[in-house]
């Protein structure tokens, strides 16, 4: 199947799922916003990732693909990925517990965080979880925790190759002043990193991650090349293969402009093979940490249009999906634009002459817009707006502005004949649960404190 065919089929499945969600009441007046995830689309992305990295190797590929849990920290989604053979990269105690609850074994986990506590390090060391250490102080902390013992799992040092920023500064982790890793171009950093490996037999990996959205493939490849060259230098200096693995991070950008998957994992591997051919000679185990690129294009946020109006000659459609689910798009629309579709109240794609419209959310500030000046068929109250390519971060990383409840999330499979099956991933949060979460049980605490 060509990538164009796969993209078309994914779009057809999405259209069928939206129609069935409306028909079945998953999306409508009583459930005005919902997240939908295409299971077959996710699994196809996993297959594409595996195929791309198997190609350069003769024999079994020495690669462990892990999913970056921050991209969608929902246990059923993580469980699906675990069942598909993925590992999981976690960056907090919450993500670690989610991954364990989803069934990832310890030896398929990678723990990254620039602020690991002693307790978190102790847990990872005791259970053989792979760890990437961020700085020399953290190395010294692990020295004390191991106290001469061998480590149960791989331990790496994260380095910042300082190759520069992509188009989105906040998504670029290899800038001159990035908070992540050992800055390799700082004076003395390479020698200090080399000495760290000389002194610590338990240190056996390097980790580099250049960034994600907005980072072009040559920039990512340049950063990984810097880590590879450092690994070669250290192994040469020590006279043996102390470094046996390189964690190359993730960061494949996602195309939010249309339905196509580009760049592809195959494109990414081709860029790496050109820039770092030795990476694929089998001497190093590779670890990847892709997140957004595995899920984004398989996700859709559907929301009911509550009102339509105009202001200053511009049409506005007021929906129930705004900054609480599309936080990055609302606050950085130039960097995170979304494709928008419109369906009628029965869930059928709308037709008709295009009109220029802003798509607004429910949050109480003027900038709560998920799309500005887009051309769509005329929108009426009761219609459904679909925000495409939102499978990563959007409905899984809720922003609690205005105490808006988290929406329900459903996974779906759509057959060729249009039959759609849904599975609940996360229940919608009730307003009562929002109140309870906001300290209901302690309602009198401050009044009582005032009276003491």
Protein backbone atom coordinates (compact mmCIF):
# COMPACT_ATOMS: atom_id res chain seq x y z
CA UNK A 1 0.00 0.00 0.00
CA UNK A 2 1.36 3.43 -0.94
CA UNK A 3 1.57 6.19 1.63
CA UNK A 4 -1.06 8.13 -0.36
CA UNK A 5 -3.45 5.17 -0.17
CA UNK A 6 -2.81 4.76 3.54
CA UNK A 7 -3.48 8.46 4.13
CA UNK A 8 -6.74 8.29 2.16
CA UNK A 9 -7.89 5.24 4.07
CA UNK A 10 -7.07 6.94 7.35
CA UNK A 11 -9.17 9.93 6.27
CA UNK A 12 -12.06 7.63 5.30
CA UNK A 13 -11.89 5.88 8.67
CA UNK A 14 -11.93 9.23 10.46
CA UNK A 15 -15.00 10.39 8.54
CA UNK A 16 -16.81 7.15 9.31
CA UNK A 17 -15.86 7.33 12.99
CA UNK A 18 -17.11 10.91 13.36
CA UNK A 19 -20.45 9.99 11.80
CA UNK A 20 -20.85 6.98 14.09
CA UNK A 21 -19.78 8.98 17.14
CA UNK A 22 -22.57 11.47 16.44
CA UNK A 23 -25.10 8.74 15.67
CA UNK A 24 -24.22 6.84 18.84
CA UNK A 25 -24.31 9.88 21.11
CA UNK A 26 -20.59 9.86 21.89
CA UNK A 27 -20.51 13.37 20.44
CA UNK A 28 -23.49 15.66 20.70
CA UNK A 29 -25.37 18.09 22.98
CA UNK A 30 -24.63 16.07 26.12
CA UNK A 31 -21.02 15.26 25.11
CA UNK A 32 -19.94 18.38 23.22
CA UNK A 33 -16.26 17.46 22.84
CA UNK A 34 -14.56 14.10 22.40
CA UNK A 35 -11.18 12.66 21.43
CA UNK A 36 -11.05 9.88 18.83
CA UNK A 37 -8.00 7.70 18.10
CA UNK A 38 -7.63 5.47 15.03
CA UNK A 39 -6.14 2.19 16.31
CA UNK A 40 -5.21 0.93 12.85
CA UNK A 41 -3.48 4.20 12.08
CA UNK A 42 -1.37 3.93 15.23
CA UNK A 43 -0.37 0.34 14.47
CA UNK A 44 0.51 1.27 10.89
CA UNK A 45 2.84 3.96 12.22
CA UNK A 46 4.54 1.40 14.49
CA UNK A 47 4.99 -0.93 11.51
CA UNK A 48 6.47 1.90 9.42
CA UNK A 49 8.94 2.70 12.21
CA UNK A 50 10.08 -0.91 12.52
CA UNK A 51 10.43 -1.35 8.77
CA UNK A 52 12.47 1.83 8.35
CA UNK A 53 15.07 0.82 10.93
CA UNK A 54 15.28 -2.82 9.85
CA UNK A 55 16.40 -1.88 6.35
CA UNK A 56 19.97 -0.69 7.03
CA UNK A 57 20.99 -3.75 9.06
CA UNK A 58 22.02 -7.20 7.91
CA UNK A 59 20.20 -9.60 10.20
CA UNK A 60 18.12 -8.58 13.24
CA UNK A 61 18.23 -4.85 13.83
CA UNK A 62 19.83 -3.94 17.17
CA UNK A 63 17.19 -1.33 17.88
CA UNK A 64 14.80 -0.78 20.81
CA UNK A 65 11.98 1.56 19.84
CA UNK A 66 10.37 3.30 22.79
CA UNK A 67 7.30 5.52 22.80
CA UNK A 68 7.64 8.91 24.49
CA UNK A 69 4.88 8.63 27.10
CA UNK A 70 4.45 12.40 27.35
CA UNK A 71 2.88 12.36 23.88
CA UNK A 72 -0.13 10.41 25.14
CA UNK A 73 -0.09 9.34 28.77
CA UNK A 74 -3.28 7.28 28.60
CA UNK A 75 -2.88 3.74 29.91
CA UNK A 76 -4.96 1.97 27.20
CA UNK A 77 -2.92 3.72 24.49
CA UNK A 78 0.31 2.73 26.19
CA UNK A 79 -1.02 -0.83 26.52
CA UNK A 80 -1.71 -0.94 22.77
CA UNK A 81 1.86 0.14 22.06
CA UNK A 82 3.30 -2.36 24.56
CA UNK A 83 1.31 -5.13 22.87
CA UNK A 84 2.76 -3.97 19.52
CA UNK A 85 6.27 -4.57 20.87
CA UNK A 86 7.26 -1.03 21.73
CA UNK A 87 9.19 0.06 24.78
CA UNK A 88 8.36 3.24 26.66
CA UNK A 89 10.36 6.37 27.46
CA UNK A 90 9.21 8.10 30.64
CA UNK A 91 10.23 11.43 32.13
CA UNK A 92 8.39 11.60 35.44
CA UNK A 93 7.16 9.31 38.23
CA UNK A 94 3.62 9.64 36.87
CA UNK A 95 4.65 8.50 33.40
CA UNK A 96 6.64 5.65 34.94
CA UNK A 97 3.60 4.39 36.86
CA UNK A 98 1.40 4.73 33.77
CA UNK A 99 3.87 2.68 31.74
CA UNK A 100 4.06 -0.03 34.40
CA UNK A 101 0.26 -0.10 34.66
CA UNK A 102 0.13 -0.55 30.88
CA UNK A 103 2.28 -3.67 31.13
CA UNK A 104 5.70 -2.52 29.97
CA UNK A 105 8.35 -4.68 31.67
CA UNK A 106 11.21 -2.90 33.39
CA UNK A 107 13.71 -3.84 30.69
CA UNK A 108 11.64 -2.05 28.02
CA UNK A 109 11.61 1.27 29.87
CA UNK A 110 13.90 4.27 29.51
CA UNK A 111 13.82 6.90 32.26
CA UNK A 112 14.71 10.45 31.15
CA UNK A 113 14.29 13.58 33.22
CA UNK A 114 16.56 16.51 34.04
CA UNK A 115 15.33 16.48 37.64
CA UNK A 116 15.31 12.89 38.88
CA UNK A 117 15.07 12.59 42.66
CA UNK A 118 17.13 10.20 44.76
CA UNK A 119 14.05 8.02 45.23
CA UNK A 120 13.37 7.86 41.49
CA UNK A 121 16.98 6.92 40.76
CA UNK A 122 16.93 4.26 43.49
CA UNK A 123 13.81 2.69 42.00
CA UNK A 124 15.21 2.65 38.46
CA UNK A 125 18.55 1.24 39.58
CA UNK A 126 16.91 -1.46 41.67
CA UNK A 127 14.66 -2.64 38.82
CA UNK A 128 17.09 -2.51 35.90
CA UNK A 129 15.32 0.36 34.14
CA UNK A 130 17.54 2.08 31.57
CA UNK A 131 18.44 5.58 32.74
CA UNK A 132 19.85 8.57 30.89
CA UNK A 133 21.65 10.84 33.34
CA UNK A 134 21.53 14.54 32.63
CA UNK A 135 24.58 16.09 34.24
CA UNK A 136 27.73 15.49 36.26
CA UNK A 137 26.00 16.07 39.60
CA UNK A 138 23.58 13.30 38.74
CA UNK A 139 26.50 11.04 37.84
CA UNK A 140 27.98 11.68 41.30
CA UNK A 141 24.59 10.90 42.87
CA UNK A 142 24.46 7.53 41.12
CA UNK A 143 28.04 6.88 42.27
CA UNK A 144 26.82 7.16 45.85
CA UNK A 145 23.70 5.08 45.25
CA UNK A 146 25.56 2.23 43.58
CA UNK A 147 28.39 2.32 46.13
CA UNK A 148 30.53 0.03 44.02
CA UNK A 149 27.73 -2.32 42.94
CA UNK A 150 27.12 -3.16 39.30
CA UNK A 151 24.12 -1.52 37.71
CA UNK A 152 21.21 -3.81 36.85
CA UNK A 153 20.32 -1.96 33.66
CA UNK A 154 21.92 0.30 31.04
CA UNK A 155 22.96 3.77 32.16
CA UNK A 156 23.68 6.56 29.71
CA UNK A 157 24.85 10.15 29.77
CA UNK A 158 22.77 12.70 27.92
CA UNK A 159 24.76 15.14 25.83
CA UNK A 160 23.70 18.36 24.17
CA UNK A 161 25.41 18.57 20.77
CA UNK A 162 24.58 22.30 20.59
CA UNK A 163 23.83 22.15 16.87
CA UNK A 164 21.20 24.90 17.07
CA UNK A 165 17.47 25.43 17.02
CA UNK A 166 14.77 24.46 14.59
CA UNK A 167 11.81 26.62 13.64
CA UNK A 168 10.22 26.35 17.12
CA UNK A 169 12.64 27.38 19.85
CA UNK A 170 10.65 25.75 22.65
CA UNK A 171 10.84 22.39 20.86
CA UNK A 172 14.60 22.61 20.25
CA UNK A 173 16.73 20.84 22.85
CA UNK A 174 20.18 21.20 21.27
CA UNK A 175 20.64 24.95 21.44
CA UNK A 176 23.69 26.57 23.01
CA UNK A 177 21.85 27.14 26.30
CA UNK A 178 19.45 24.18 26.41
CA UNK A 179 18.66 22.91 29.90
CA UNK A 180 19.21 19.30 28.80
CA UNK A 181 22.40 17.27 28.99
CA UNK A 182 26.11 18.01 28.98
CA UNK A 183 26.82 20.87 26.57
CA UNK A 184 29.51 19.36 24.33
CA UNK A 185 30.80 22.60 22.81
CA UNK A 186 31.36 24.24 26.18
CA UNK A 187 35.06 24.42 27.12
CA UNK A 188 36.30 21.15 28.62
CA UNK A 189 32.97 19.32 28.24
CA UNK A 190 34.21 16.57 25.91
CA UNK A 191 37.18 15.82 28.15
CA UNK A 192 34.93 15.80 31.23
CA UNK A 193 32.50 13.40 29.54
CA UNK A 194 35.36 11.13 28.50
CA UNK A 195 36.71 11.12 32.05
CA UNK A 196 33.25 10.27 33.37
CA UNK A 197 33.26 7.07 31.31
CA UNK A 198 36.83 6.26 32.28
CA UNK A 199 35.91 6.38 35.97
CA UNK A 200 32.60 4.53 35.79
CA UNK A 201 32.46 0.98 34.41
CA UNK A 202 28.66 1.07 34.76
CA UNK A 203 28.26 3.93 32.28
CA UNK A 204 27.65 2.40 28.85
CA UNK A 205 25.35 4.59 26.73
CA UNK A 206 25.17 8.05 25.21
CA UNK A 207 21.92 9.91 24.64
CA UNK A 208 21.22 12.85 22.35
CA UNK A 209 17.92 14.44 21.37
CA UNK A 210 17.94 17.49 19.13
CA UNK A 211 14.27 18.38 19.32
CA UNK A 212 11.00 17.60 17.61
CA UNK A 213 8.47 19.71 15.73
CA UNK A 214 10.20 22.31 13.60
CA UNK A 215 13.56 20.52 13.56
CA UNK A 216 14.62 19.51 10.03
CA UNK A 217 16.09 16.07 9.47
CA UNK A 218 19.63 17.31 8.65
CA UNK A 219 19.75 19.17 11.98
CA UNK A 220 18.62 16.06 13.87
CA UNK A 221 21.18 13.95 12.02
CA UNK A 222 23.94 16.45 12.82
CA UNK A 223 23.18 16.18 16.54
CA UNK A 224 23.17 12.38 16.46
CA UNK A 225 26.46 12.42 14.57
CA UNK A 226 28.02 14.43 17.40
CA UNK A 227 26.94 11.77 19.91
CA UNK A 228 28.25 9.00 17.66
CA UNK A 229 31.62 10.71 17.24
CA UNK A 230 31.90 11.13 21.00
CA UNK A 231 31.13 7.43 21.49
CA UNK A 232 33.87 6.54 19.00
CA UNK A 233 36.33 8.85 20.75
CA UNK A 234 35.59 7.42 24.20
CA UNK A 235 35.79 3.81 23.05
CA UNK A 236 39.09 4.51 21.29
CA UNK A 237 40.43 6.22 24.39
CA UNK A 238 39.44 3.29 26.63
CA UNK A 239 40.64 0.68 24.17
CA UNK A 240 37.41 -1.31 24.20
CA UNK A 241 33.70 -0.90 23.52
CA UNK A 242 32.64 0.69 26.80
CA UNK A 243 29.77 2.49 25.07
CA UNK A 244 27.55 -0.20 23.61
CA UNK A 245 24.38 1.79 22.97
CA UNK A 246 23.34 5.17 21.59
CA UNK A 247 19.93 6.60 22.38
CA UNK A 248 19.12 8.82 19.40
CA UNK A 249 15.91 10.24 20.86
CA UNK A 250 12.88 10.85 18.67
CA UNK A 251 11.61 14.08 17.23
CA UNK A 252 10.41 13.20 13.73
CA UNK A 253 8.36 16.27 12.71
CA UNK A 254 4.70 15.87 11.79
CA UNK A 255 3.07 17.38 8.73
CA UNK A 256 0.08 19.34 9.99
CA UNK A 257 -0.66 20.93 6.59
CA UNK A 258 -2.45 18.03 4.92
CA UNK A 259 -3.18 14.31 5.16
CA UNK A 260 0.21 13.05 3.98
CA UNK A 261 2.81 11.49 6.27
CA UNK A 262 5.97 13.48 5.71
CA UNK A 263 8.75 13.24 6.49
CA UNK A 264 8.58 9.49 6.94
CA UNK A 265 10.63 7.25 9.20
CA UNK A 266 12.35 6.02 6.04
CA UNK A 267 13.32 9.63 5.25
CA UNK A 268 14.72 9.97 8.77
CA UNK A 269 16.81 6.80 8.46
CA UNK A 270 18.09 7.92 5.04
CA UNK A 271 19.27 11.21 6.54
CA UNK A 272 20.99 9.35 9.36
CA UNK A 273 22.68 6.91 6.97
CA UNK A 274 24.06 9.79 4.95
CA UNK A 275 25.32 11.75 7.97
CA UNK A 276 26.32 8.88 10.29
CA UNK A 277 26.85 5.68 8.27
CA UNK A 278 28.71 3.98 11.13
CA UNK A 279 25.58 4.15 13.26
CA UNK A 280 24.17 1.19 11.35
CA UNK A 281 27.15 -1.17 11.32
CA UNK A 282 25.76 -3.17 14.24
CA UNK A 283 28.35 -2.19 16.86
CA UNK A 284 25.87 -0.06 18.81
CA UNK A 285 22.44 -0.90 20.09
CA UNK A 286 20.17 1.98 19.09
CA UNK A 287 17.31 3.32 21.18
CA UNK A 288 14.63 5.62 19.78
CA UNK A 289 12.05 7.75 21.60
CA UNK A 290 9.42 8.76 19.05
CA UNK A 291 6.12 10.12 20.32
CA UNK A 292 4.15 12.68 18.32
CA UNK A 293 4.90 11.08 14.96
CA UNK A 294 3.42 7.74 16.03
CA UNK A 295 0.03 9.13 17.09
CA UNK A 296 -0.64 12.65 15.83
CA UNK A 297 -2.28 11.90 12.50
CA UNK A 298 -4.45 9.13 13.96
CA UNK A 299 -6.22 11.46 16.39
CA UNK A 300 -9.19 13.77 16.00
CA UNK A 301 -10.97 16.11 18.38
CA UNK A 302 -14.66 16.44 17.56
CA UNK A 303 -16.66 19.29 19.04
CA UNK A 304 -20.19 20.64 18.74
CA UNK A 305 -20.73 24.17 17.47
CA UNK A 306 -22.79 25.93 20.13
CA UNK A 307 -23.22 29.35 18.51
CA UNK A 308 -22.28 31.26 15.38
CA UNK A 309 -21.86 35.01 15.18
CA UNK A 310 -19.87 37.72 13.44
CA UNK A 311 -17.60 40.53 14.59
CA UNK A 312 -15.93 43.13 12.42
CA UNK A 313 -17.10 41.30 9.33
CA UNK A 314 -15.54 37.99 10.43
CA UNK A 315 -17.69 34.92 11.06
CA UNK A 316 -17.04 33.08 14.32
CA UNK A 317 -18.06 29.56 15.28
CA UNK A 318 -18.04 29.01 19.05
CA UNK A 319 -17.22 25.41 19.98
CA UNK A 320 -16.38 23.44 23.12
CA UNK A 321 -12.76 22.69 22.14
CA UNK A 322 -10.23 25.39 22.86
CA UNK A 323 -7.14 25.92 24.93
CA UNK A 324 -8.08 23.15 27.35
CA UNK A 325 -7.39 20.53 24.65
CA UNK A 326 -5.46 22.47 21.98
CA UNK A 327 -3.18 24.43 24.28
CA UNK A 328 -0.19 24.76 21.97
CA UNK A 329 -2.31 25.72 18.97
CA UNK A 330 -4.14 28.43 20.90
CA UNK A 331 -1.04 30.01 22.43
CA UNK A 332 1.33 29.47 19.46
CA UNK A 333 -0.94 29.30 16.38
CA UNK A 334 1.88 30.08 13.97
CA UNK A 335 3.87 27.07 15.14
CA UNK A 336 1.01 24.65 15.76
CA UNK A 337 -1.72 25.22 13.11
CA UNK A 338 -4.39 22.53 12.79
CA UNK A 339 -6.45 21.34 9.87
CA UNK A 340 -10.16 21.80 10.47
CA UNK A 341 -13.16 19.97 9.02
CA UNK A 342 -16.86 20.67 9.43
CA UNK A 343 -19.72 18.17 9.56
CA UNK A 344 -23.45 18.64 9.88
CA UNK A 345 -25.47 17.70 12.95
CA UNK A 346 -25.76 14.12 11.63
CA UNK A 347 -21.98 13.81 11.29
CA UNK A 348 -21.86 14.10 7.49
CA UNK A 349 -19.16 16.23 5.82
CA UNK A 350 -20.64 19.60 4.89
CA UNK A 351 -20.61 20.89 1.34
CA UNK A 352 -21.15 24.31 -0.12
CA UNK A 353 -19.32 27.53 -0.98
CA UNK A 354 -16.48 28.31 1.43
CA UNK A 355 -16.78 31.10 3.94
CA UNK A 356 -14.00 32.63 6.01
CA UNK A 357 -14.48 31.82 9.68
CA UNK A 358 -12.66 31.74 13.01
CA UNK A 359 -13.08 28.61 15.13
CA UNK A 360 -13.32 29.63 18.79
CA UNK A 361 -13.21 27.60 21.97
CA UNK A 362 -15.04 27.98 25.29
CA UNK A 363 -12.24 29.51 27.35
CA UNK A 364 -12.75 32.98 28.72
CA UNK A 365 -10.01 34.89 26.92
CA UNK A 366 -9.99 36.47 23.48
CA UNK A 367 -7.19 34.37 22.04
CA UNK A 368 -8.98 31.05 22.56
CA UNK A 369 -9.07 30.23 18.84
CA UNK A 370 -8.15 26.88 17.31
CA UNK A 371 -8.21 28.25 13.75
CA UNK A 372 -8.29 31.78 12.34
CA UNK A 373 -9.51 32.88 8.95
CA UNK A 374 -10.04 29.39 7.55
CA UNK A 375 -12.29 28.70 4.59
CA UNK A 376 -15.05 26.20 5.35
CA UNK A 377 -18.63 25.55 4.21
CA UNK A 378 -21.16 27.62 6.14
CA UNK A 379 -21.26 26.57 9.79
CA UNK A 380 -24.45 26.50 11.85
CA UNK A 381 -25.21 25.78 15.52
CA UNK A 382 -25.34 22.04 16.08
CA UNK A 383 -22.71 21.28 13.44
CA UNK A 384 -19.55 19.41 14.35
CA UNK A 385 -16.04 20.80 13.94
CA UNK A 386 -13.17 18.30 13.69
CA UNK A 387 -9.63 19.25 14.66
CA UNK A 388 -7.37 16.86 12.76
CA UNK A 389 -3.93 15.43 13.63
CA UNK A 390 -4.52 15.75 17.37
CA UNK A 391 -3.66 12.23 18.50
CA UNK A 392 -0.52 13.32 20.37
CA UNK A 393 -0.56 15.76 23.29
CA UNK A 394 -3.94 17.35 22.51
CA UNK A 395 -6.69 15.38 24.25
CA UNK A 396 -4.23 13.56 26.51
CA UNK A 397 -2.60 16.67 28.05
CA UNK A 398 -5.56 18.63 29.34
CA UNK A 399 -5.19 22.25 30.44
CA UNK A 400 -7.63 22.98 33.27
CA UNK A 401 -8.31 26.62 32.43
CA UNK A 402 -11.81 27.73 33.50
CA UNK A 403 -12.16 24.36 35.28
CA UNK A 404 -13.34 22.75 32.06
CA UNK A 405 -13.68 18.97 32.44
CA UNK A 406 -11.48 16.56 30.51
CA UNK A 407 -13.30 15.03 27.53
CA UNK A 408 -13.87 11.36 26.93
CA UNK A 409 -11.45 9.61 24.61
CA UNK A 410 -12.36 6.64 22.43
CA UNK A 411 -10.28 4.40 20.25
CA UNK A 412 -11.90 3.09 17.08
CA UNK A 413 -11.53 0.66 14.22
CA UNK A 414 -13.40 1.24 10.98
CA UNK A 415 -13.92 -1.59 8.50
CA UNK A 416 -13.89 -1.16 4.74
CA UNK A 417 -17.70 -1.39 4.71
CA UNK A 418 -17.98 1.57 7.07
CA UNK A 419 -18.71 -0.40 10.25
CA UNK A 420 -17.08 1.31 13.21
CA UNK A 421 -16.31 -0.15 16.62
CA UNK A 422 -15.38 2.04 19.60
CA UNK A 423 -13.51 1.31 22.82
CA UNK A 424 -13.52 3.72 25.75
CA UNK A 425 -10.00 4.92 26.55
CA UNK A 426 -10.83 7.53 29.20
CA UNK A 427 -14.19 8.52 30.65
CA UNK A 428 -15.29 12.12 30.45
CA UNK A 429 -14.60 13.98 33.67
CA UNK A 430 -17.79 15.12 35.38
CA UNK A 431 -18.28 18.63 36.72
CA UNK A 432 -18.63 17.07 40.17
CA UNK A 433 -15.18 15.50 39.77
CA UNK A 434 -13.78 18.89 38.79
CA UNK A 435 -15.16 20.35 42.02
CA UNK A 436 -13.81 17.48 44.10
CA UNK A 437 -10.40 17.85 42.50
CA UNK A 438 -10.38 21.53 43.39
CA UNK A 439 -10.34 20.89 47.13
CA UNK A 440 -13.98 20.22 48.01
CA UNK A 441 -13.05 18.03 50.97
CA UNK A 442 -11.08 20.95 52.43
CA UNK A 443 -13.72 23.61 51.77
CA UNK A 444 -13.69 24.91 55.36
CA UNK A 445 -9.92 24.71 55.89
CA UNK A 446 -9.06 28.38 55.36
CA UNK A 447 -12.10 29.66 57.23
CA UNK A 448 -11.13 27.46 60.19
CA UNK A 449 -7.53 28.67 59.98
CA UNK A 450 -8.75 32.27 60.08
CA UNK A 451 -10.69 31.52 63.26
CA UNK A 452 -7.76 30.03 65.16
